[in-house]
Amino acid sequence: MFDAFSKIDGGGSGRDANDNNRIELDEWLAGWQGVRSHGFVVLAAVTTKEQAKEVFGIIDDNGGGVVLLDEWCSFIKKGEISAGTAVGSLLCMEE
């Protein structure tokens, strides 16, 4: 989850000076396609820019205009559990 988040945050391939530990809408719209293949069903399901805009609003669960790492992880966790994936099975063990 962190790898995918970091890929979008700052627009780089990893941690660098442009990272601020949050994803803004413009970063998300520029980078969502690059994380579709990270193995999470909720990210792979985003196939259009319009969907990407909608998903950003869902991930940003407090409406703050930015996605923080905890919101990101919570979104992915819920999606994996709902889809009944192997990752979801592991993530629901903590509940």
N, C-alpha and C. Protein backbone atom coordinates (compact mmCIF):
# COMPACT_ATOMS: atom_id res chain seq x y z
N MET A 1 0.83 -1.18 0.00
CA MET A 1 0.00 0.00 0.00
C MET A 1 0.87 1.25 0.00
N PHE A 2 1.92 1.22 0.81
CA PHE A 2 2.81 2.38 0.89
C PHE A 2 3.53 2.61 -0.43
N ASP A 3 3.93 1.54 -1.11
CA ASP A 3 4.61 1.70 -2.39
C ASP A 3 3.73 2.40 -3.40
N ALA A 4 2.47 2.01 -3.48
CA ALA A 4 1.55 2.65 -4.41
C ALA A 4 1.32 4.11 -4.02
N PHE A 5 1.14 4.36 -2.73
CA PHE A 5 0.95 5.72 -2.24
C PHE A 5 2.15 6.59 -2.60
N SER A 6 3.33 6.07 -2.35
CA SER A 6 4.57 6.82 -2.60
C SER A 6 4.78 7.10 -4.08
N LYS A 7 4.32 6.19 -4.92
CA LYS A 7 4.46 6.39 -6.35
C LYS A 7 3.67 7.60 -6.82
N ILE A 8 2.53 7.84 -6.21
CA ILE A 8 1.69 8.97 -6.59
C ILE A 8 2.11 10.25 -5.87
N ASP A 9 2.42 10.16 -4.60
CA ASP A 9 2.80 11.33 -3.81
C ASP A 9 4.06 11.97 -4.40
N GLY A 10 3.94 13.18 -4.84
CA GLY A 10 5.08 13.89 -5.42
C GLY A 10 5.34 13.57 -6.87
N GLY A 11 4.63 12.59 -7.41
CA GLY A 11 4.78 12.25 -8.82
C GLY A 11 6.04 11.49 -9.17
N GLY A 12 6.78 11.02 -8.16
CA GLY A 12 8.02 10.30 -8.42
C GLY A 12 7.84 8.82 -8.26
N SER A 13 8.90 8.09 -8.50
CA SER A 13 8.82 6.64 -8.39
C SER A 13 9.08 6.16 -6.97
N GLY A 14 9.41 7.05 -6.10
CA GLY A 14 9.68 6.69 -4.70
C GLY A 14 9.72 7.94 -3.86
N ARG A 15 10.40 7.88 -2.74
CA ARG A 15 10.48 9.04 -1.85
C ARG A 15 11.49 10.05 -2.40
N ASP A 16 11.09 11.32 -2.49
CA ASP A 16 12.00 12.38 -2.88
C ASP A 16 11.54 13.70 -2.30
N ALA A 17 12.17 14.79 -2.68
CA ALA A 17 11.89 16.10 -2.10
C ALA A 17 10.48 16.60 -2.42
N ASN A 18 9.84 16.06 -3.44
CA ASN A 18 8.49 16.50 -3.81
C ASN A 18 7.40 15.84 -2.97
N ASP A 19 7.75 14.87 -2.16
CA ASP A 19 6.77 14.15 -1.35
C ASP A 19 6.40 14.95 -0.12
N ASN A 20 5.11 14.91 0.23
CA ASN A 20 4.65 15.59 1.44
C ASN A 20 3.71 14.71 2.27
N ASN A 21 3.74 13.41 1.98
CA ASN A 21 2.93 12.42 2.71
C ASN A 21 1.44 12.64 2.57
N ARG A 22 1.05 13.18 1.42
CA ARG A 22 -0.36 13.30 1.10
C ARG A 22 -0.50 13.37 -0.41
N ILE A 23 -1.64 12.93 -0.90
CA ILE A 23 -1.90 12.94 -2.33
C ILE A 23 -2.97 13.98 -2.60
N GLU A 24 -2.65 14.91 -3.44
CA GLU A 24 -3.62 15.93 -3.86
C GLU A 24 -4.28 15.44 -5.14
N LEU A 25 -5.43 16.03 -5.47
CA LEU A 25 -6.18 15.58 -6.63
C LEU A 25 -5.34 15.61 -7.90
N ASP A 26 -4.56 16.65 -8.13
CA ASP A 26 -3.77 16.72 -9.35
C ASP A 26 -2.72 15.61 -9.41
N GLU A 27 -2.15 15.25 -8.27
CA GLU A 27 -1.19 14.13 -8.22
C GLU A 27 -1.90 12.81 -8.55
N TRP A 28 -3.08 12.63 -7.96
CA TRP A 28 -3.86 11.41 -8.20
C TRP A 28 -4.22 11.28 -9.67
N LEU A 29 -4.71 12.38 -10.27
CA LEU A 29 -5.11 12.32 -11.67
C LEU A 29 -3.92 12.09 -12.59
N ALA A 30 -2.75 12.54 -12.19
CA ALA A 30 -1.55 12.31 -12.99
C ALA A 30 -0.97 10.91 -12.79
N GLY A 31 -1.30 10.26 -11.66
CA GLY A 31 -0.62 9.00 -11.35
C GLY A 31 -1.46 7.77 -11.14
N TRP A 32 -2.79 7.88 -11.18
CA TRP A 32 -3.63 6.72 -10.85
C TRP A 32 -3.37 5.52 -11.76
N GLN A 33 -3.08 5.78 -13.03
CA GLN A 33 -2.85 4.66 -13.95
C GLN A 33 -1.59 3.87 -13.58
N GLY A 34 -0.65 4.52 -12.96
CA GLY A 34 0.60 3.86 -12.60
C GLY A 34 0.50 2.92 -11.41
N VAL A 35 -0.63 2.95 -10.70
CA VAL A 35 -0.78 2.04 -9.55
C VAL A 35 -1.88 1.00 -9.77
N ARG A 36 -2.47 0.99 -10.94
CA ARG A 36 -3.52 0.00 -11.23
C ARG A 36 -2.98 -1.43 -11.16
N SER A 37 -1.70 -1.60 -11.42
CA SER A 37 -1.12 -2.96 -11.45
C SER A 37 -0.40 -3.32 -10.15
N HIS A 38 -0.69 -2.62 -9.07
CA HIS A 38 -0.05 -2.92 -7.80
C HIS A 38 -0.70 -4.10 -7.06
N GLY A 39 -1.71 -4.71 -7.65
CA GLY A 39 -2.30 -5.92 -7.07
C GLY A 39 -3.50 -5.71 -6.18
N PHE A 40 -4.03 -4.50 -6.11
CA PHE A 40 -5.22 -4.23 -5.29
C PHE A 40 -6.43 -4.04 -6.19
N VAL A 41 -7.49 -4.79 -5.91
CA VAL A 41 -8.66 -4.77 -6.79
C VAL A 41 -9.29 -3.39 -6.91
N VAL A 42 -9.31 -2.62 -5.84
CA VAL A 42 -9.94 -1.30 -5.90
C VAL A 42 -9.15 -0.32 -6.77
N LEU A 43 -7.85 -0.51 -6.87
CA LEU A 43 -7.06 0.34 -7.76
C LEU A 43 -7.15 -0.14 -9.20
N ALA A 44 -7.17 -1.44 -9.40
CA ALA A 44 -7.29 -1.99 -10.74
C ALA A 44 -8.63 -1.67 -11.37
N ALA A 45 -9.65 -1.46 -10.54
CA ALA A 45 -11.00 -1.20 -11.05
C ALA A 45 -11.16 0.20 -11.62
N VAL A 46 -10.25 1.09 -11.32
CA VAL A 46 -10.33 2.45 -11.84
C VAL A 46 -9.80 2.44 -13.27
N THR A 47 -10.68 2.74 -14.23
CA THR A 47 -10.27 2.62 -15.63
C THR A 47 -10.41 3.91 -16.42
N THR A 48 -11.05 4.93 -15.85
CA THR A 48 -11.21 6.20 -16.56
C THR A 48 -10.87 7.36 -15.64
N LYS A 49 -10.60 8.49 -16.24
CA LYS A 49 -10.29 9.69 -15.47
C LYS A 49 -11.50 10.11 -14.63
N GLU A 50 -12.69 9.93 -15.16
CA GLU A 50 -13.90 10.27 -14.42
C GLU A 50 -14.04 9.39 -13.18
N GLN A 51 -13.78 8.10 -13.33
CA GLN A 51 -13.79 7.20 -12.17
C GLN A 51 -12.71 7.60 -11.18
N ALA A 52 -11.55 7.99 -11.68
CA ALA A 52 -10.46 8.39 -10.80
C ALA A 52 -10.87 9.58 -9.94
N LYS A 53 -11.57 10.54 -10.53
CA LYS A 53 -12.05 11.70 -9.76
C LYS A 53 -13.02 11.26 -8.67
N GLU A 54 -13.95 10.37 -9.02
CA GLU A 54 -14.91 9.86 -8.03
C GLU A 54 -14.21 9.10 -6.91
N VAL A 55 -13.27 8.27 -7.27
CA VAL A 55 -12.56 7.45 -6.29
C VAL A 55 -11.76 8.33 -5.34
N PHE A 56 -11.18 9.40 -5.85
CA PHE A 56 -10.44 10.32 -4.98
C PHE A 56 -11.35 10.83 -3.87
N GLY A 57 -12.58 11.19 -4.21
CA GLY A 57 -13.53 11.66 -3.20
C GLY A 57 -13.89 10.59 -2.19
N ILE A 58 -13.91 9.36 -2.62
CA ILE A 58 -14.20 8.24 -1.71
C ILE A 58 -13.01 8.00 -0.78
N ILE A 59 -11.82 8.00 -1.34
CA ILE A 59 -10.63 7.77 -0.52
C ILE A 59 -10.49 8.88 0.52
N ASP A 60 -10.72 10.11 0.10
CA ASP A 60 -10.63 11.27 0.99
C ASP A 60 -11.87 11.29 1.88
N ASP A 61 -11.91 10.37 2.82
CA ASP A 61 -13.14 10.14 3.60
C ASP A 61 -13.51 11.28 4.53
N ASN A 62 -12.58 12.18 4.84
CA ASN A 62 -12.94 13.31 5.70
C ASN A 62 -13.19 14.58 4.90
N GLY A 63 -13.10 14.50 3.57
CA GLY A 63 -13.39 15.65 2.71
C GLY A 63 -12.38 16.77 2.81
N GLY A 64 -11.16 16.47 3.24
CA GLY A 64 -10.15 17.49 3.43
C GLY A 64 -9.47 17.97 2.15
N GLY A 65 -9.74 17.30 1.03
CA GLY A 65 -9.14 17.71 -0.24
C GLY A 65 -7.80 17.07 -0.54
N VAL A 66 -7.32 16.26 0.39
CA VAL A 66 -6.09 15.51 0.19
C VAL A 66 -6.30 14.10 0.75
N VAL A 67 -5.54 13.17 0.23
CA VAL A 67 -5.60 11.79 0.72
C VAL A 67 -4.35 11.54 1.55
N LEU A 68 -4.58 11.17 2.79
CA LEU A 68 -3.48 10.82 3.69
C LEU A 68 -3.26 9.31 3.65
N LEU A 69 -2.12 8.87 4.11
CA LEU A 69 -1.79 7.45 4.05
C LEU A 69 -2.81 6.58 4.78
N ASP A 70 -3.31 7.04 5.92
CA ASP A 70 -4.29 6.22 6.64
C ASP A 70 -5.59 6.08 5.86
N GLU A 71 -6.01 7.13 5.16
CA GLU A 71 -7.21 7.05 4.32
C GLU A 71 -6.97 6.10 3.15
N TRP A 72 -5.80 6.19 2.57
CA TRP A 72 -5.41 5.34 1.44
C TRP A 72 -5.47 3.87 1.84
N CYS A 73 -4.83 3.55 2.97
CA CYS A 73 -4.79 2.17 3.43
C CYS A 73 -6.17 1.66 3.82
N SER A 74 -6.96 2.49 4.44
CA SER A 74 -8.32 2.10 4.82
C SER A 74 -9.16 1.79 3.59
N PHE A 75 -9.06 2.62 2.56
CA PHE A 75 -9.79 2.40 1.32
C PHE A 75 -9.40 1.07 0.68
N ILE A 76 -8.11 0.82 0.58
CA ILE A 76 -7.65 -0.43 -0.03
C ILE A 76 -8.07 -1.62 0.82
N LYS A 77 -7.92 -1.51 2.12
CA LYS A 77 -8.29 -2.60 3.02
C LYS A 77 -9.77 -2.95 2.86
N LYS A 78 -10.63 -1.96 2.90
CA LYS A 78 -12.07 -2.20 2.75
C LYS A 78 -12.38 -2.86 1.42
N GLY A 79 -11.73 -2.39 0.36
CA GLY A 79 -11.98 -2.96 -0.96
C GLY A 79 -11.53 -4.40 -1.08
N GLU A 80 -10.38 -4.70 -0.51
CA GLU A 80 -9.87 -6.07 -0.56
C GLU A 80 -10.74 -7.02 0.26
N ILE A 81 -11.18 -6.57 1.43
CA ILE A 81 -12.05 -7.39 2.27
C ILE A 81 -13.39 -7.61 1.57
N SER A 82 -13.97 -6.55 1.01
CA SER A 82 -15.25 -6.66 0.31
C SER A 82 -15.18 -7.60 -0.88
N ALA A 83 -14.04 -7.58 -1.58
CA ALA A 83 -13.87 -8.43 -2.76
C ALA A 83 -13.52 -9.86 -2.40
N GLY A 84 -13.21 -10.12 -1.14
CA GLY A 84 -12.88 -11.47 -0.71
C GLY A 84 -11.55 -11.97 -1.25
N THR A 85 -10.61 -11.05 -1.44
CA THR A 85 -9.31 -11.46 -1.97
C THR A 85 -8.46 -12.09 -0.87
N ALA A 86 -7.37 -12.71 -1.28
CA ALA A 86 -6.44 -13.30 -0.31
C ALA A 86 -5.85 -12.22 0.60
N VAL A 87 -5.53 -11.08 0.03
CA VAL A 87 -5.03 -9.96 0.83
C VAL A 87 -6.10 -9.50 1.80
N GLY A 88 -7.34 -9.43 1.34
CA GLY A 88 -8.45 -9.06 2.20
C GLY A 88 -8.62 -10.01 3.36
N SER A 89 -8.42 -11.30 3.11
CA SER A 89 -8.51 -12.31 4.18
C SER A 89 -7.46 -12.05 5.26
N LEU A 90 -6.28 -11.66 4.84
CA LEU A 90 -5.23 -11.37 5.81
C LEU A 90 -5.53 -10.08 6.57
N LEU A 91 -6.03 -9.08 5.86
CA LEU A 91 -6.29 -7.79 6.49
C LEU A 91 -7.46 -7.83 7.46
N CYS A 92 -8.42 -8.70 7.22
CA CYS A 92 -9.57 -8.74 8.13
C CYS A 92 -9.27 -9.51 9.41
N MET A 93 -8.13 -10.16 9.49
CA MET A 93 -7.76 -10.89 10.70
C MET A 93 -7.55 -9.96 11.88
N GLU A 94 -7.19 -8.71 11.62
CA GLU A 94 -6.92 -7.78 12.72
C GLU A 94 -8.19 -7.22 13.32
N GLU A 95 -9.32 -7.45 12.72
CA GLU A 95 -10.57 -6.89 13.24
C GLU A 95 -11.25 -7.80 14.22
